[in-house]
Each structure stands twice: as C-alpha cells, then as structure tokens.
C-alpha cells in the first residue's frame, strides 16, 4: 500500500468531520460532532490555540493535499505521454523549446496556471 493510500485510509476511518475547537473552562479541546474524538490540548494559559487549529483542520487539509498530489501526478503523466508520442524529445529531462506546451498541459490537468 502506498503512503498516500495509507493516509487516505486513516482519513476514511477518522471520526465524523468537521472537527472543531471547543473551550471548557480553562482547557481547550478538539472534538468531532459525534464526540468520538475529544482531544484535550491542555490549559488555555499555555496557548494551545495554534495546535488546536492545526489538529481541527488536519483532515480537510490532508484531503486537499492528496487531491492536489493526484492532479500533479496526472499532469506529469500527461506531459510524459505527449513528450513520448508527439514531440521530438529523446530525453524527457530536456524539454527546452516546449515550455508553452508544458504550461498548457499543466493548466488543463491542474486547473491552475503552471506558474502558481
């Protein structure tokens, strides 16, 4: 199983989302709506807000990054396919002169400008 598949499996098996940050008296928690997750991050005076925000948003952030990784892998495969079948390129490391075509493929595959 790939690392990406392992991460996706953990996301699929995680408690219901979205997770949220909740304060009880002087303690900060990250919780899931079904209460299957209730992580106590400790005393508010220790300033755990940034850790709570990181944990609460981790599932959505990971799903976003996994989806972006798939798009990048598809873009690289598309460039390799075009380079191998349509361009006069012997070495895929040397794509000089094909920058515009590479940028166009990346824009189609990624849905964003290649320079972003």
PDB file of N, CA and C in Angstrom:
ATOM      1  N   UNK A   1       0.849  -1.168   0.000  1.00  0.00           N
ATOM      2  CA  UNK A   1       0.000   0.000   0.000  1.00  0.00           C
ATOM      3  C   UNK A   1       0.903   1.242   0.000  1.00  0.00           C
ATOM      4  N   UNK A   2       0.554   2.221  -0.821  1.00  0.00           N
ATOM      5  CA  UNK A   2       1.350   3.439  -0.888  1.00  0.00           C
ATOM      6  C   UNK A   2       1.112   4.304   0.347  1.00  0.00           C
ATOM      7  N   UNK A   3       2.017   5.219   0.574  1.00  0.00           N
ATOM      8  CA  UNK A   3       1.857   6.138   1.705  1.00  0.00           C
ATOM      9  C   UNK A   3       0.580   6.949   1.539  1.00  0.00           C
ATOM     10  N   UNK A   4       0.301   7.369   0.286  1.00  0.00           N
ATOM     11  CA  UNK A   4      -0.918   8.130   0.032  1.00  0.00           C
ATOM     12  C   UNK A   4      -2.157   7.315   0.364  1.00  0.00           C
ATOM     13  N   UNK A   5      -2.156   6.037   0.005  1.00  0.00           N
ATOM     14  CA  UNK A   5      -3.290   5.158   0.302  1.00  0.00           C
ATOM     15  C   UNK A   5      -3.448   4.961   1.812  1.00  0.00           C
ATOM     16  N   UNK A   6      -2.336   4.861   2.518  1.00  0.00           N
ATOM     17  CA  UNK A   6      -2.394   4.725   3.973  1.00  0.00           C
ATOM     18  C   UNK A   6      -3.016   5.971   4.609  1.00  0.00           C
ATOM     19  N   UNK A   7      -2.607   7.137   4.127  1.00  0.00           N
ATOM     20  CA  UNK A   7      -3.164   8.394   4.652  1.00  0.00           C
ATOM     21  C   UNK A   7      -4.655   8.460   4.361  1.00  0.00           C
ATOM     22  N   UNK A   8      -5.035   8.103   3.129  1.00  0.00           N
ATOM     23  CA  UNK A   8      -6.451   8.131   2.766  1.00  0.00           C
ATOM     24  C   UNK A   8      -7.257   7.161   3.624  1.00  0.00           C
ATOM     25  N   UNK A   9      -6.703   5.994   3.897  1.00  0.00           N
ATOM     26  CA  UNK A   9      -7.399   5.011   4.744  1.00  0.00           C
ATOM     27  C   UNK A   9      -7.607   5.568   6.150  1.00  0.00           C
ATOM     28  N   UNK A  10      -6.589   6.229   6.692  1.00  0.00           N
ATOM     29  CA  UNK A  10      -6.747   6.824   8.027  1.00  0.00           C
ATOM     30  C   UNK A  10      -7.817   7.915   8.004  1.00  0.00           C
ATOM     31  N   UNK A  11      -7.845   8.705   6.933  1.00  0.00           N
ATOM     32  CA  UNK A  11      -8.883   9.733   6.818  1.00  0.00           C
ATOM     33  C   UNK A  11     -10.272   9.111   6.734  1.00  0.00           C
ATOM     34  N   UNK A  12     -10.376   8.038   5.962  1.00  0.00           N
ATOM     35  CA  UNK A  12     -11.669   7.368   5.801  1.00  0.00           C
ATOM     36  C   UNK A  12     -12.170   6.788   7.114  1.00  0.00           C
ATOM     37  N   UNK A  13     -11.250   6.392   7.991  1.00  0.00           N
ATOM     38  CA  UNK A  13     -11.622   5.770   9.264  1.00  0.00           C
ATOM     39  C   UNK A  13     -11.651   6.747  10.437  1.00  0.00           C
ATOM     40  N   UNK A  14     -11.375   8.009  10.167  1.00  0.00           N
ATOM     41  CA  UNK A  14     -11.355   9.019  11.233  1.00  0.00           C
ATOM     42  C   UNK A  14     -12.781   9.340  11.685  1.00  0.00           C
ATOM     43  N   UNK A  15     -12.907   9.907  12.877  1.00  0.00           N
ATOM     44  CA  UNK A  15     -14.236  10.309  13.350  1.00  0.00           C
ATOM     45  C   UNK A  15     -14.899  11.317  12.413  1.00  0.00           C
ATOM     46  N   UNK A  16     -16.207  11.410  12.559  1.00  0.00           N
ATOM     47  CA  UNK A  16     -17.016  12.331  11.747  1.00  0.00           C
ATOM     48  C   UNK A  16     -16.395  13.725  11.743  1.00  0.00           C
ATOM     49  N   UNK A  17     -16.511  14.394  10.621  1.00  0.00           N
ATOM     50  CA  UNK A  17     -15.975  15.741  10.479  1.00  0.00           C
ATOM     51  C   UNK A  17     -17.098  16.701  10.136  1.00  0.00           C
ATOM     52  N   UNK A  18     -16.907  17.977  10.264  1.00  0.00           N
ATOM     53  CA  UNK A  18     -15.658  18.673  10.590  1.00  0.00           C
ATOM     54  C   UNK A  18     -15.358  18.633  12.085  1.00  0.00           C
ATOM     55  N   UNK A  19     -14.076  18.677  12.404  1.00  0.00           N
ATOM     56  CA  UNK A  19     -13.660  18.772  13.791  1.00  0.00           C
ATOM     57  C   UNK A  19     -13.662  20.242  14.180  1.00  0.00           C
ATOM     58  N   UNK A  20     -13.810  20.503  15.451  1.00  0.00           N
ATOM     59  CA  UNK A  20     -13.879  21.886  15.896  1.00  0.00           C
ATOM     60  C   UNK A  20     -13.158  22.048  17.220  1.00  0.00           C
ATOM     61  N   UNK A  21     -12.803  23.271  17.509  1.00  0.00           N
ATOM     62  CA  UNK A  21     -12.116  23.614  18.749  1.00  0.00           C
ATOM     63  C   UNK A  21     -13.165  24.111  19.733  1.00  0.00           C
ATOM     64  N   UNK A  22     -13.088  23.599  20.947  1.00  0.00           N
ATOM     65  CA  UNK A  22     -14.056  23.990  21.973  1.00  0.00           C
ATOM     66  C   UNK A  22     -13.307  24.235  23.285  1.00  0.00           C
ATOM     67  N   UNK A  23     -13.755  25.253  23.994  1.00  0.00           N
ATOM     68  CA  UNK A  23     -13.141  25.582  25.274  1.00  0.00           C
ATOM     69  C   UNK A  23     -14.095  25.222  26.394  1.00  0.00           C
ATOM     70  N   UNK A  24     -13.589  24.478  27.362  1.00  0.00           N
ATOM     71  CA  UNK A  24     -14.329  24.160  28.583  1.00  0.00           C
ATOM     72  C   UNK A  24     -13.552  24.777  29.739  1.00  0.00           C
ATOM     73  N   UNK A  25     -14.127  25.763  30.340  1.00  0.00           N
ATOM     74  CA  UNK A  25     -13.455  26.490  31.427  1.00  0.00           C
ATOM     75  C   UNK A  25     -12.074  26.950  30.961  1.00  0.00           C
ATOM     76  N   UNK A  26     -11.025  26.388  31.520  1.00  0.00           N
ATOM     77  CA  UNK A  26      -9.666  26.823  31.175  1.00  0.00           C
ATOM     78  C   UNK A  26      -8.912  25.804  30.327  1.00  0.00           C
ATOM     79  N   UNK A  27      -9.633  24.841  29.733  1.00  0.00           N
ATOM     80  CA  UNK A  27      -8.986  23.839  28.892  1.00  0.00           C
ATOM     81  C   UNK A  27      -9.517  23.933  27.464  1.00  0.00           C
ATOM     82  N   UNK A  28      -8.664  23.587  26.532  1.00  0.00           N
ATOM     83  CA  UNK A  28      -9.012  23.635  25.117  1.00  0.00           C
ATOM     84  C   UNK A  28      -9.060  22.212  24.566  1.00  0.00           C
ATOM     85  N   UNK A  29     -10.115  21.913  23.803  1.00  0.00           N
ATOM     86  CA  UNK A  29     -10.310  20.588  23.229  1.00  0.00           C
ATOM     87  C   UNK A  29     -10.509  20.689  21.722  1.00  0.00           C
ATOM     88  N   UNK A  30     -10.157  19.607  21.025  1.00  0.00           N
ATOM     89  CA  UNK A  30     -10.570  19.407  19.640  1.00  0.00           C
ATOM     90  C   UNK A  30     -11.547  18.249  19.679  1.00  0.00           C
ATOM     91  N   UNK A  31     -12.738  18.464  19.086  1.00  0.00           N
ATOM     92  CA  UNK A  31     -13.789  17.449  19.153  1.00  0.00           C
ATOM     93  C   UNK A  31     -14.392  17.219  17.782  1.00  0.00           C
ATOM     94  N   UNK A  32     -14.960  16.023  17.632  1.00  0.00           N
ATOM     95  CA  UNK A  32     -15.738  15.712  16.437  1.00  0.00           C
ATOM     96  C   UNK A  32     -17.217  15.826  16.790  1.00  0.00           C
ATOM     97  N   UNK A  33     -18.078  16.041  15.789  1.00  0.00           N
ATOM     98  CA  UNK A  33     -19.512  16.180  16.079  1.00  0.00           C
ATOM     99  C   UNK A  33     -20.103  14.976  16.800  1.00  0.00           C
ATOM    100  N   UNK A  34     -19.592  13.773  16.497  1.00  0.00           N
ATOM    101  CA  UNK A  34     -20.125  12.571  17.140  1.00  0.00           C
ATOM    102  C   UNK A  34     -19.443  12.280  18.478  1.00  0.00           C
ATOM    103  N   UNK A  35     -18.504  13.154  18.884  1.00  0.00           N
ATOM    104  CA  UNK A  35     -17.758  13.036  20.143  1.00  0.00           C
ATOM    105  C   UNK A  35     -16.860  11.799  20.197  1.00  0.00           C
ATOM    106  N   UNK A  36     -16.613  11.168  19.048  1.00  0.00           N
ATOM    107  CA  UNK A  36     -15.671  10.041  19.011  1.00  0.00           C
ATOM    108  C   UNK A  36     -14.236  10.558  19.156  1.00  0.00           C
ATOM    109  N   UNK A  37     -14.038  11.831  18.865  1.00  0.00           N
ATOM    110  CA  UNK A  37     -12.754  12.487  19.086  1.00  0.00           C
ATOM    111  C   UNK A  37     -12.967  13.574  20.116  1.00  0.00           C
ATOM    112  N   UNK A  38     -12.181  13.520  21.177  1.00  0.00           N
ATOM    113  CA  UNK A  38     -12.204  14.570  22.185  1.00  0.00           C
ATOM    114  C   UNK A  38     -10.779  14.659  22.734  1.00  0.00           C
ATOM    115  N   UNK A  39      -9.982  15.492  22.079  1.00  0.00           N
ATOM    116  CA  UNK A  39      -8.577  15.636  22.438  1.00  0.00           C
ATOM    117  C   UNK A  39      -8.386  16.861  23.320  1.00  0.00           C
ATOM    118  N   UNK A  40      -7.905  16.634  24.528  1.00  0.00           N
ATOM    119  CA  UNK A  40      -7.652  17.720  25.473  1.00  0.00           C
ATOM    120  C   UNK A  40      -6.252  18.262  25.201  1.00  0.00           C
ATOM    121  N   UNK A  41      -6.193  19.539  24.787  1.00  0.00           N
ATOM    122  CA  UNK A  41      -4.910  20.160  24.491  1.00  0.00           C
ATOM    123  C   UNK A  41      -4.362  20.952  25.663  1.00  0.00           C
ATOM    124  N   UNK A  42      -5.044  20.894  26.752  1.00  0.00           N
ATOM    125  CA  UNK A  42      -4.497  21.468  27.969  1.00  0.00           C
ATOM    126  C   UNK A  42      -4.995  22.856  28.313  1.00  0.00           C
ATOM    127  N   UNK A  43      -4.305  23.421  29.259  1.00  0.00           N
ATOM    128  CA  UNK A  43      -4.647  24.702  29.871  1.00  0.00           C
ATOM    129  C   UNK A  43      -4.515  25.837  28.857  1.00  0.00           C
ATOM    130  N   UNK A  44      -5.529  26.661  28.775  1.00  0.00           N
ATOM    131  CA  UNK A  44      -5.561  27.782  27.836  1.00  0.00           C
ATOM    132  C   UNK A  44      -4.370  28.714  28.048  1.00  0.00           C
ATOM    133  N   UNK A  45      -3.911  28.852  29.272  1.00  0.00           N
ATOM    134  CA  UNK A  45      -2.771  29.718  29.566  1.00  0.00           C
ATOM    135  C   UNK A  45      -1.485  29.277  28.884  1.00  0.00           C
ATOM    136  N   UNK A  46      -1.426  28.022  28.477  1.00  0.00           N
ATOM    137  CA  UNK A  46      -0.251  27.513  27.755  1.00  0.00           C
ATOM    138  C   UNK A  46      -0.324  27.802  26.259  1.00  0.00           C
ATOM    139  N   UNK A  47      -1.375  28.483  25.840  1.00  0.00           N
ATOM    140  CA  UNK A  47      -1.577  28.945  24.473  1.00  0.00           C
ATOM    141  C   UNK A  47      -1.595  27.807  23.437  1.00  0.00           C
ATOM    142  N   UNK A  48      -2.455  26.814  23.611  1.00  0.00           N
ATOM    143  CA  UNK A  48      -2.525  25.702  22.651  1.00  0.00           C
ATOM    144  C   UNK A  48      -3.406  25.985  21.431  1.00  0.00           C
ATOM    145  N   UNK A  49      -3.809  27.244  21.218  1.00  0.00           N
ATOM    146  CA  UNK A  49      -4.750  27.564  20.147  1.00  0.00           C
ATOM    147  C   UNK A  49      -4.232  27.148  18.767  1.00  0.00           C
ATOM    148  N   UNK A  50      -2.954  27.398  18.500  1.00  0.00           N
ATOM    149  CA  UNK A  50      -2.422  27.064  17.169  1.00  0.00           C
ATOM    150  C   UNK A  50      -2.389  25.549  16.961  1.00  0.00           C
ATOM    151  N   UNK A  51      -2.073  24.793  17.994  1.00  0.00           N
ATOM    152  CA  UNK A  51      -2.092  23.339  17.880  1.00  0.00           C
ATOM    153  C   UNK A  51      -3.513  22.837  17.661  1.00  0.00           C
ATOM    154  N   UNK A  52      -4.459  23.451  18.372  1.00  0.00           N
ATOM    155  CA  UNK A  52      -5.862  23.055  18.225  1.00  0.00           C
ATOM    156  C   UNK A  52      -6.339  23.322  16.809  1.00  0.00           C
ATOM    157  N   UNK A  53      -5.976  24.462  16.259  1.00  0.00           N
ATOM    158  CA  UNK A  53      -6.366  24.816  14.899  1.00  0.00           C
ATOM    159  C   UNK A  53      -5.751  23.841  13.895  1.00  0.00           C
ATOM    160  N   UNK A  54      -4.493  23.489  14.096  1.00  0.00           N
ATOM    161  CA  UNK A  54      -3.829  22.525  13.214  1.00  0.00           C
ATOM    162  C   UNK A  54      -4.543  21.175  13.235  1.00  0.00           C
ATOM    163  N   UNK A  55      -4.825  20.666  14.418  1.00  0.00           N
ATOM    164  CA  UNK A  55      -5.472  19.358  14.547  1.00  0.00           C
ATOM    165  C   UNK A  55      -6.891  19.391  13.982  1.00  0.00           C
ATOM    166  N   UNK A  56      -7.640  20.435  14.308  1.00  0.00           N
ATOM    167  CA  UNK A  56      -9.034  20.514  13.869  1.00  0.00           C
ATOM    168  C   UNK A  56      -9.140  20.572  12.348  1.00  0.00           C
ATOM    169  N   UNK A  57      -8.172  21.189  11.686  1.00  0.00           N
ATOM    170  CA  UNK A  57      -8.215  21.337  10.228  1.00  0.00           C
ATOM    171  C   UNK A  57      -7.436  20.272   9.470  1.00  0.00           C
ATOM    172  N   UNK A  58      -6.733  19.401  10.168  1.00  0.00           N
ATOM    173  CA  UNK A  58      -5.879  18.413   9.519  1.00  0.00           C
ATOM    174  C   UNK A  58      -6.614  17.518   8.513  1.00  0.00           C
ATOM    175  N   UNK A  59      -7.777  16.971   8.817  1.00  0.00           N
ATOM    176  CA  UNK A  59      -8.426  16.094   7.839  1.00  0.00           C
ATOM    177  C   UNK A  59      -8.717  16.792   6.509  1.00  0.00           C
ATOM    178  N   UNK A  60      -9.285  17.982   6.567  1.00  0.00           N
ATOM    179  CA  UNK A  60      -9.590  18.702   5.331  1.00  0.00           C
ATOM    180  C   UNK A  60      -8.312  19.114   4.608  1.00  0.00           C
ATOM    181  N   UNK A  61      -7.298  19.518   5.367  1.00  0.00           N
ATOM    182  CA  UNK A  61      -6.027  19.900   4.753  1.00  0.00           C
ATOM    183  C   UNK A  61      -5.386  18.702   4.057  1.00  0.00           C
ATOM    184  N   UNK A  62      -5.425  17.544   4.697  1.00  0.00           N
ATOM    185  CA  UNK A  62      -4.853  16.335   4.084  1.00  0.00           C
ATOM    186  C   UNK A  62      -5.621  15.919   2.835  1.00  0.00           C
ATOM    187  N   UNK A  63      -6.938  15.991   2.878  1.00  0.00           N
ATOM    188  CA  UNK A  63      -7.734  15.645   1.693  1.00  0.00           C
ATOM    189  C   UNK A  63      -7.421  16.588   0.534  1.00  0.00           C
ATOM    190  N   UNK A  64      -7.270  17.870   0.824  1.00  0.00           N
ATOM    191  CA  UNK A  64      -6.915  18.848  -0.205  1.00  0.00           C
ATOM    192  C   UNK A  64      -5.554  18.507  -0.823  1.00  0.00           C
ATOM    193  N   UNK A  65      -4.569  18.235   0.035  1.00  0.00           N
ATOM    194  CA  UNK A  65      -3.224  17.944  -0.469  1.00  0.00           C
ATOM    195  C   UNK A  65      -3.163  16.622  -1.232  1.00  0.00           C
ATOM    196  N   UNK A  66      -3.896  15.611  -0.786  1.00  0.00           N
ATOM    197  CA  UNK A  66      -3.932  14.342  -1.521  1.00  0.00           C
ATOM    198  C   UNK A  66      -4.548  14.532  -2.906  1.00  0.00           C
ATOM    199  N   UNK A  67      -5.616  15.302  -2.987  1.00  0.00           N
ATOM    200  CA  UNK A  67      -6.249  15.563  -4.288  1.00  0.00           C
ATOM    201  C   UNK A  67      -5.304  16.337  -5.200  1.00  0.00           C
ATOM    202  N   UNK A  68      -4.585  17.292  -4.633  1.00  0.00           N
ATOM    203  CA  UNK A  68      -3.631  18.066  -5.434  1.00  0.00           C
ATOM    204  C   UNK A  68      -2.488  17.172  -5.911  1.00  0.00           C
ATOM    205  N   UNK A  69      -2.045  16.252  -5.074  1.00  0.00           N
ATOM    206  CA  UNK A  69      -0.990  15.315  -5.470  1.00  0.00           C
ATOM    207  C   UNK A  69      -1.431  14.463  -6.655  1.00  0.00           C
ATOM    208  N   UNK A  70      -2.662  13.994  -6.636  1.00  0.00           N
ATOM    209  CA  UNK A  70      -3.199  13.207  -7.757  1.00  0.00           C
ATOM    210  C   UNK A  70      -3.188  14.044  -9.031  1.00  0.00           C
ATOM    211  N   UNK A  71      -3.619  15.309  -8.926  1.00  0.00           N
ATOM    212  CA  UNK A  71      -3.619  16.183 -10.107  1.00  0.00           C
ATOM    213  C   UNK A  71      -2.203  16.377 -10.640  1.00  0.00           C
ATOM    214  N   UNK A  72      -1.220  16.561  -9.768  1.00  0.00           N
ATOM    215  CA  UNK A  72       0.165  16.725 -10.214  1.00  0.00           C
ATOM    216  C   UNK A  72       0.686  15.450 -10.873  1.00  0.00           C
ATOM    217  N   UNK A  73       0.375  14.313 -10.290  1.00  0.00           N
ATOM    218  CA  UNK A  73       0.816  13.046 -10.902  1.00  0.00           C
ATOM    219  C   UNK A  73       0.190  12.866 -12.283  1.00  0.00           C
ATOM    220  N   UNK A  74      -1.080  13.220 -12.422  1.00  0.00           N
ATOM    221  CA  UNK A  74      -1.742  13.137 -13.729  1.00  0.00           C
ATOM    222  C   UNK A  74      -1.103  14.094 -14.722  1.00  0.00           C
ATOM    223  N   UNK A  75      -0.741  15.276 -14.273  1.00  0.00           N
ATOM    224  CA  UNK A  75      -0.109  16.256 -15.153  1.00  0.00           C
ATOM    225  C   UNK A  75       1.249  15.764 -15.632  1.00  0.00           C
ATOM    226  N   UNK A  76       2.031  15.206 -14.735  1.00  0.00           N
ATOM    227  CA  UNK A  76       3.341  14.671 -15.121  1.00  0.00           C
ATOM    228  C   UNK A  76       3.170  13.525 -16.117  1.00  0.00           C
ATOM    229  N   UNK A  77       2.209  12.643 -15.876  1.00  0.00           N
ATOM    230  CA  UNK A  77       1.957  11.530 -16.807  1.00  0.00           C
ATOM    231  C   UNK A  77       1.535  12.059 -18.171  1.00  0.00           C
ATOM    232  N   UNK A  78       0.702  13.089 -18.187  1.00  0.00           N
ATOM    233  CA  UNK A  78       0.261  13.671 -19.466  1.00  0.00           C
ATOM    234  C   UNK A  78       1.432  14.282 -20.215  1.00  0.00           C
ATOM    235  N   UNK A  79       2.301  14.984 -19.518  1.00  0.00           N
ATOM    236  CA  UNK A  79       3.470  15.581 -20.166  1.00  0.00           C
ATOM    237  C   UNK A  79       4.378  14.492 -20.724  1.00  0.00           C
ATOM    238  N   UNK A  80       4.617  13.455 -19.945  1.00  0.00           N
ATOM    239  CA  UNK A  80       5.459  12.358 -20.425  1.00  0.00           C
ATOM    240  C   UNK A  80       4.844  11.687 -21.647  1.00  0.00           C
ATOM    241  N   UNK A  81       3.529  11.511 -21.633  1.00  0.00           N
ATOM    242  CA  UNK A  81       2.845  10.878 -22.758  1.00  0.00           C
ATOM    243  C   UNK A  81       2.976  11.723 -24.020  1.00  0.00           C
ATOM    244  N   UNK A  82       2.723  13.015 -23.893  1.00  0.00           N
ATOM    245  CA  UNK A  82       2.842  13.897 -25.054  1.00  0.00           C
ATOM    246  C   UNK A  82       4.283  13.957 -25.536  1.00  0.00           C
ATOM    247  N   UNK A  83       5.217  14.055 -24.606  1.00  0.00           N
ATOM    248  CA  UNK A  83       6.625  14.126 -24.984  1.00  0.00           C
ATOM    249  C   UNK A  83       7.063  12.859 -25.711  1.00  0.00           C
ATOM    250  N   UNK A  84       6.569  11.719 -25.251  1.00  0.00           N
ATOM    251  CA  UNK A  84       6.973  10.448 -25.851  1.00  0.00           C
ATOM    252  C   UNK A  84       6.312  10.202 -27.206  1.00  0.00           C
ATOM    253  N   UNK A  85       5.136  10.770 -27.429  1.00  0.00           N
ATOM    254  CA  UNK A  85       4.402  10.440 -28.654  1.00  0.00           C
ATOM    255  C   UNK A  85       4.360  11.546 -29.693  1.00  0.00           C
ATOM    256  N   UNK A  86       4.468  12.806 -29.279  1.00  0.00           N
ATOM    257  CA  UNK A  86       4.242  13.890 -30.233  1.00  0.00           C
ATOM    258  C   UNK A  86       5.424  14.826 -30.413  1.00  0.00           C
ATOM    259  N   UNK A  87       6.281  14.920 -29.429  1.00  0.00           N
ATOM    260  CA  UNK A  87       7.382  15.859 -29.528  1.00  0.00           C
ATOM    261  C   UNK A  87       8.634  15.115 -29.927  1.00  0.00           C
ATOM    262  N   UNK A  88       9.541  15.839 -30.537  1.00  0.00           N
ATOM    263  CA  UNK A  88      10.832  15.272 -30.916  1.00  0.00           C
ATOM    264  C   UNK A  88      11.794  15.432 -29.735  1.00  0.00           C
ATOM    265  N   UNK A  89      11.543  14.626 -28.696  1.00  0.00           N
ATOM    266  CA  UNK A  89      12.346  14.714 -27.478  1.00  0.00           C
ATOM    267  C   UNK A  89      12.887  13.323 -27.166  1.00  0.00           C
ATOM    268  N   UNK A  90      14.197  13.210 -27.143  1.00  0.00           N
ATOM    269  CA  UNK A  90      14.817  11.929 -26.803  1.00  0.00           C
ATOM    270  C   UNK A  90      14.967  11.769 -25.298  1.00  0.00           C
ATOM    271  N   UNK A  91      15.213  12.862 -24.619  1.00  0.00           N
ATOM    272  CA  UNK A  91      15.453  12.839 -23.183  1.00  0.00           C
ATOM    273  C   UNK A  91      14.408  13.725 -22.514  1.00  0.00           C
ATOM    274  N   UNK A  92      13.559  13.138 -21.667  1.00  0.00           N
ATOM    275  CA  UNK A  92      12.495  13.913 -21.026  1.00  0.00           C
ATOM    276  C   UNK A  92      13.029  14.987 -20.091  1.00  0.00           C
ATOM    277  N   UNK A  93      14.310  14.931 -19.772  1.00  0.00           N
ATOM    278  CA  UNK A  93      14.910  15.972 -18.948  1.00  0.00           C
ATOM    279  C   UNK A  93      15.094  17.257 -19.752  1.00  0.00           C
ATOM    280  N   UNK A  94      15.187  17.136 -21.083  1.00  0.00           N
ATOM    281  CA  UNK A  94      15.428  18.304 -21.934  1.00  0.00           C
ATOM    282  C   UNK A  94      14.152  18.649 -22.692  1.00  0.00           C
ATOM    283  N   UNK A  95      13.337  19.474 -22.079  1.00  0.00           N
ATOM    284  CA  UNK A  95      12.098  19.907 -22.719  1.00  0.00           C
ATOM    285  C   UNK A  95      12.193  21.365 -23.156  1.00  0.00           C
ATOM    286  N   UNK A  96      13.429  21.854 -23.310  1.00  0.00           N
ATOM    287  CA  UNK A  96      13.589  23.242 -23.738  1.00  0.00           C
ATOM    288  C   UNK A  96      12.942  23.415 -25.108  1.00  0.00           C
ATOM    289  N   UNK A  97      12.270  24.522 -25.268  1.00  0.00           N
ATOM    290  CA  UNK A  97      11.546  24.785 -26.502  1.00  0.00           C
ATOM    291  C   UNK A  97      10.101  24.331 -26.434  1.00  0.00           C
ATOM    292  N   UNK A  98       9.749  23.600 -25.390  1.00  0.00           N
ATOM    293  CA  UNK A  98       8.382  23.084 -25.252  1.00  0.00           C
ATOM    294  C   UNK A  98       7.679  23.679 -24.030  1.00  0.00           C
ATOM    295  N   UNK A  99       8.232  24.773 -23.479  1.00  0.00           N
ATOM    296  CA  UNK A  99       7.679  25.350 -22.255  1.00  0.00           C
ATOM    297  C   UNK A  99       6.207  25.719 -22.395  1.00  0.00           C
ATOM    298  N   UNK A 100       5.825  26.304 -23.532  1.00  0.00           N
ATOM    299  CA  UNK A 100       4.427  26.714 -23.717  1.00  0.00           C
ATOM    300  C   UNK A 100       3.496  25.518 -23.713  1.00  0.00           C
ATOM    301  N   UNK A 101       3.917  24.432 -24.363  1.00  0.00           N
ATOM    302  CA  UNK A 101       3.088  23.236 -24.394  1.00  0.00           C
ATOM    303  C   UNK A 101       2.989  22.610 -22.998  1.00  0.00           C
ATOM    304  N   UNK A 102       4.102  22.585 -22.273  1.00  0.00           N
ATOM    305  CA  UNK A 102       4.095  22.047 -20.905  1.00  0.00           C
ATOM    306  C   UNK A 102       3.167  22.882 -20.033  1.00  0.00           C
ATOM    307  N   UNK A 103       3.273  24.219 -20.141  1.00  0.00           N
ATOM    308  CA  UNK A 103       2.402  25.092 -19.349  1.00  0.00           C
ATOM    309  C   UNK A 103       0.933  24.847 -19.683  1.00  0.00           C
ATOM    310  N   UNK A 104       0.619  24.655 -20.960  1.00  0.00           N
ATOM    311  CA  UNK A 104      -0.773  24.419 -21.362  1.00  0.00           C
ATOM    312  C   UNK A 104      -1.288  23.102 -20.782  1.00  0.00           C
ATOM    313  N   UNK A 105      -0.477  22.064 -20.813  1.00  0.00           N
ATOM    314  CA  UNK A 105      -0.882  20.768 -20.245  1.00  0.00           C
ATOM    315  C   UNK A 105      -1.094  20.907 -18.742  1.00  0.00           C
ATOM    316  N   UNK A 106      -0.179  21.582 -18.063  1.00  0.00           N
ATOM    317  CA  UNK A 106      -0.323  21.762 -16.619  1.00  0.00           C
ATOM    318  C   UNK A 106      -1.593  22.540 -16.289  1.00  0.00           C
ATOM    319  N   UNK A 107      -1.878  23.558 -17.085  1.00  0.00           N
ATOM    320  CA  UNK A 107      -3.083  24.347 -16.826  1.00  0.00           C
ATOM    321  C   UNK A 107      -4.334  23.498 -16.988  1.00  0.00           C
ATOM    322  N   UNK A 108      -4.374  22.634 -18.002  1.00  0.00           N
ATOM    323  CA  UNK A 108      -5.532  21.762 -18.214  1.00  0.00           C
ATOM    324  C   UNK A 108      -5.623  20.721 -17.097  1.00  0.00           C
ATOM    325  N   UNK A 109      -4.511  20.087 -16.788  1.00  0.00           N
ATOM    326  CA  UNK A 109      -4.515  19.000 -15.799  1.00  0.00           C
ATOM    327  C   UNK A 109      -4.716  19.486 -14.370  1.00  0.00           C
ATOM    328  N   UNK A 110      -4.144  20.649 -14.055  1.00  0.00           N
ATOM    329  CA  UNK A 110      -4.191  21.132 -12.678  1.00  0.00           C
ATOM    330  C   UNK A 110      -5.292  22.140 -12.440  1.00  0.00           C
ATOM    331  N   UNK A 111      -5.819  22.690 -13.513  1.00  0.00           N
ATOM    332  CA  UNK A 111      -6.850  23.697 -13.353  1.00  0.00           C
ATOM    333  C   UNK A 111      -6.309  25.000 -12.792  1.00  0.00           C
ATOM    334  N   UNK A 112      -5.026  25.218 -12.977  1.00  0.00           N
ATOM    335  CA  UNK A 112      -4.413  26.440 -12.484  1.00  0.00           C
ATOM    336  C   UNK A 112      -3.224  26.773 -13.360  1.00  0.00           C
ATOM    337  N   UNK A 113      -2.763  27.983 -13.263  1.00  0.00           N
ATOM    338  CA  UNK A 113      -1.603  28.401 -14.039  1.00  0.00           C
ATOM    339  C   UNK A 113      -0.374  27.640 -13.569  1.00  0.00           C
ATOM    340  N   UNK A 114       0.479  27.245 -14.478  1.00  0.00           N
ATOM    341  CA  UNK A 114       1.687  26.491 -14.138  1.00  0.00           C
ATOM    342  C   UNK A 114       2.635  27.313 -13.274  1.00  0.00           C
ATOM    343  N   UNK A 115       2.545  28.622 -13.362  1.00  0.00           N
ATOM    344  CA  UNK A 115       3.455  29.477 -12.595  1.00  0.00           C
ATOM    345  C   UNK A 115       3.009  29.680 -11.156  1.00  0.00           C
ATOM    346  N   UNK A 116       1.825  29.215 -10.769  1.00  0.00           N
ATOM    347  CA  UNK A 116       1.329  29.401  -9.390  1.00  0.00           C
ATOM    348  C   UNK A 116       2.015  28.471  -8.429  1.00  0.00           C
TER     349      UNK A 116
END
